[in-house]
Each structure stands twice: as C-alpha cells, then as structure tokens.
Protein backbone atom coordinates (compact mmCIF):
# COMPACT_ATOMS: atom_id res chain seq x y z
CA UNK A 1 -2.88 14.30 -27.18
CA UNK A 2 -6.06 13.18 -28.40
CA UNK A 3 -9.48 11.88 -27.10
CA UNK A 4 -12.37 10.53 -28.26
CA UNK A 5 -16.06 10.89 -27.00
CA UNK A 6 -18.00 7.92 -28.39
CA UNK A 7 -21.87 7.46 -27.61
CA UNK A 8 -24.47 5.15 -28.50
CA UNK A 9 -27.84 6.41 -29.61
CA UNK A 10 -29.93 5.13 -26.58
CA UNK A 11 -27.55 4.80 -23.68
CA UNK A 12 -27.91 1.38 -22.16
CA UNK A 13 -29.84 1.48 -19.19
CA UNK A 14 -30.89 4.30 -16.67
CA UNK A 15 -27.51 5.08 -15.73
CA UNK A 16 -26.52 8.44 -16.03
CA UNK A 17 -23.89 8.27 -18.83
CA UNK A 18 -24.56 4.89 -19.81
CA UNK A 19 -23.43 4.54 -23.27
CA UNK A 20 -21.04 7.54 -23.31
CA UNK A 21 -17.61 7.11 -23.13
CA UNK A 22 -14.53 9.61 -23.14
CA UNK A 23 -11.40 7.30 -24.40
CA UNK A 24 -7.75 8.15 -24.82
CA UNK A 25 -5.79 7.58 -27.90
CA UNK A 26 -2.44 6.62 -27.98
CA UNK A 27 -1.53 8.76 -31.60
CA UNK A 28 0.31 11.79 -31.77
CA UNK A 29 -0.65 12.89 -35.18
CA UNK A 30 -4.19 13.60 -36.74
CA UNK A 31 -4.20 11.05 -39.31
CA UNK A 32 -2.97 8.30 -36.91
CA UNK A 33 -5.50 9.32 -34.27
CA UNK A 34 -8.42 8.99 -37.08
CA UNK A 35 -7.30 5.60 -38.14
CA UNK A 36 -6.78 4.68 -33.83
CA UNK A 37 -10.47 5.64 -33.69
CA UNK A 38 -11.81 4.32 -36.73
CA UNK A 39 -10.63 0.57 -35.27
CA UNK A 40 -11.80 1.34 -31.69
CA UNK A 41 -15.18 2.00 -33.31
CA UNK A 42 -15.17 -0.99 -35.42
CA UNK A 43 -14.18 -3.47 -32.49
CA UNK A 44 -16.55 -1.47 -29.94
CA UNK A 45 -18.46 -3.90 -27.75
CA UNK A 46 -21.55 -2.21 -26.51
CA UNK A 47 -25.37 -2.84 -26.44
CA UNK A 48 -25.69 -1.08 -29.86
CA UNK A 49 -23.32 0.10 -32.35
CA UNK A 50 -22.21 3.81 -31.78
CA UNK A 51 -23.92 6.49 -33.16
CA UNK A 52 -21.32 9.43 -33.00
CA UNK A 53 -17.44 9.87 -32.62
CA UNK A 54 -15.79 13.13 -31.85
CA UNK A 55 -12.08 13.22 -31.86
CA UNK A 56 -10.74 15.80 -29.37
CA UNK A 57 -6.90 17.31 -29.79
CA UNK A 58 -6.06 18.53 -26.40
CA UNK A 59 -3.15 20.93 -26.82
CA UNK A 60 -2.91 22.18 -22.86
CA UNK A 61 -4.06 20.38 -19.55
CA UNK A 62 -4.08 21.91 -16.49
CA UNK A 63 -4.31 20.24 -12.89
CA UNK A 64 -7.25 22.00 -11.38
CA UNK A 65 -7.07 22.53 -7.40
CA UNK A 66 -9.86 20.09 -6.65
CA UNK A 67 -9.01 19.80 -2.63
CA UNK A 68 -9.04 23.36 -2.14
CA UNK A 69 -12.48 23.67 -3.99
CA UNK A 70 -13.86 21.31 -1.55
CA UNK A 71 -11.94 23.28 1.87
CA UNK A 72 -13.80 26.30 0.29
CA UNK A 73 -17.28 24.68 0.11
CA UNK A 74 -17.17 23.20 3.37
CA UNK A 75 -15.84 26.50 4.60
CA UNK A 76 -19.02 28.31 3.00
CA UNK A 77 -21.55 25.43 4.35
CA UNK A 78 -20.19 26.14 8.13
CA UNK A 79 -20.48 29.65 7.75
CA UNK A 80 -23.76 29.25 6.40
CA UNK A 81 -25.21 27.06 9.15
CA UNK A 82 -23.68 29.49 11.66
CA UNK A 83 -25.62 32.13 10.13
CA UNK A 84 -28.62 30.15 10.29
CA UNK A 85 -27.86 29.33 13.96
CA UNK A 86 -27.41 33.38 14.38
CA UNK A 87 -30.39 34.18 13.04
CA UNK A 88 -32.55 31.67 15.17
CA UNK A 89 -31.03 32.85 18.54
CA UNK A 90 -31.34 36.40 17.27
CA UNK A 91 -34.88 35.58 16.42
CA UNK A 92 -35.11 33.66 19.89
CA UNK A 93 -33.41 36.85 21.60
CA UNK A 94 -35.98 39.43 20.36
CA UNK A 95 -38.90 37.19 21.37
CA UNK A 96 -37.65 37.03 25.13
CA UNK A 97 -36.54 40.57 25.52
CA UNK A 98 -40.31 41.65 24.35
CA UNK A 99 -41.69 39.35 26.53
CA UNK A 100 -39.85 40.24 29.57
CA UNK A 101 -39.29 43.88 28.58
C-alpha cells in the first residue's frame, strides 16, 4: 500500500492542517505509485500549486484500541476528580477538627 502526504506552501486559511492532505494510492508497486502520484499532483485542485509530496510505503497496519484508550482516560479523569473531592473534604475535616477540638 502506498500513501502520499501532499502540502501547499502556505496552507489555505486559518484552519489547522488546511493545505495538507494524506491520500491513498491505488498502485501496488513503487513505479506505479510514483506515476499515480505524479498524475494526482498534476491534477490537484487547491488554492495554490503543491509545494511537496512525500510517498509513503506502508508495509504493516495495526488497528489501535481507541475505545479502550478513551475508557482509560475517563477512568483517570474520574479518579482525579475523586482525589480533588477527597482532598477538599480532608481539608474541611481538618479545619472543623481544629475549630471544635
């Protein structure tokens, strides 16, 4: 599998990543990928001509456990919120203990 990362010299507006694009090529071999990319560059319809194109040969792909990453993040955030509540409760307890002891 071949991918190409293409970019315009100045982006295109204030949008992050505007003017940068990762495209999937149909070619299975290097020479065919170069030819396909050349054709895609020549027919590119952007705000400006492209400044660069990087051909990437992908030899392996691995699906990432995105759902579990979000679950871990939510669990960590909840633990942090609970710690803050516990710290606030502990501080209040200490203040009241000092006041009424």
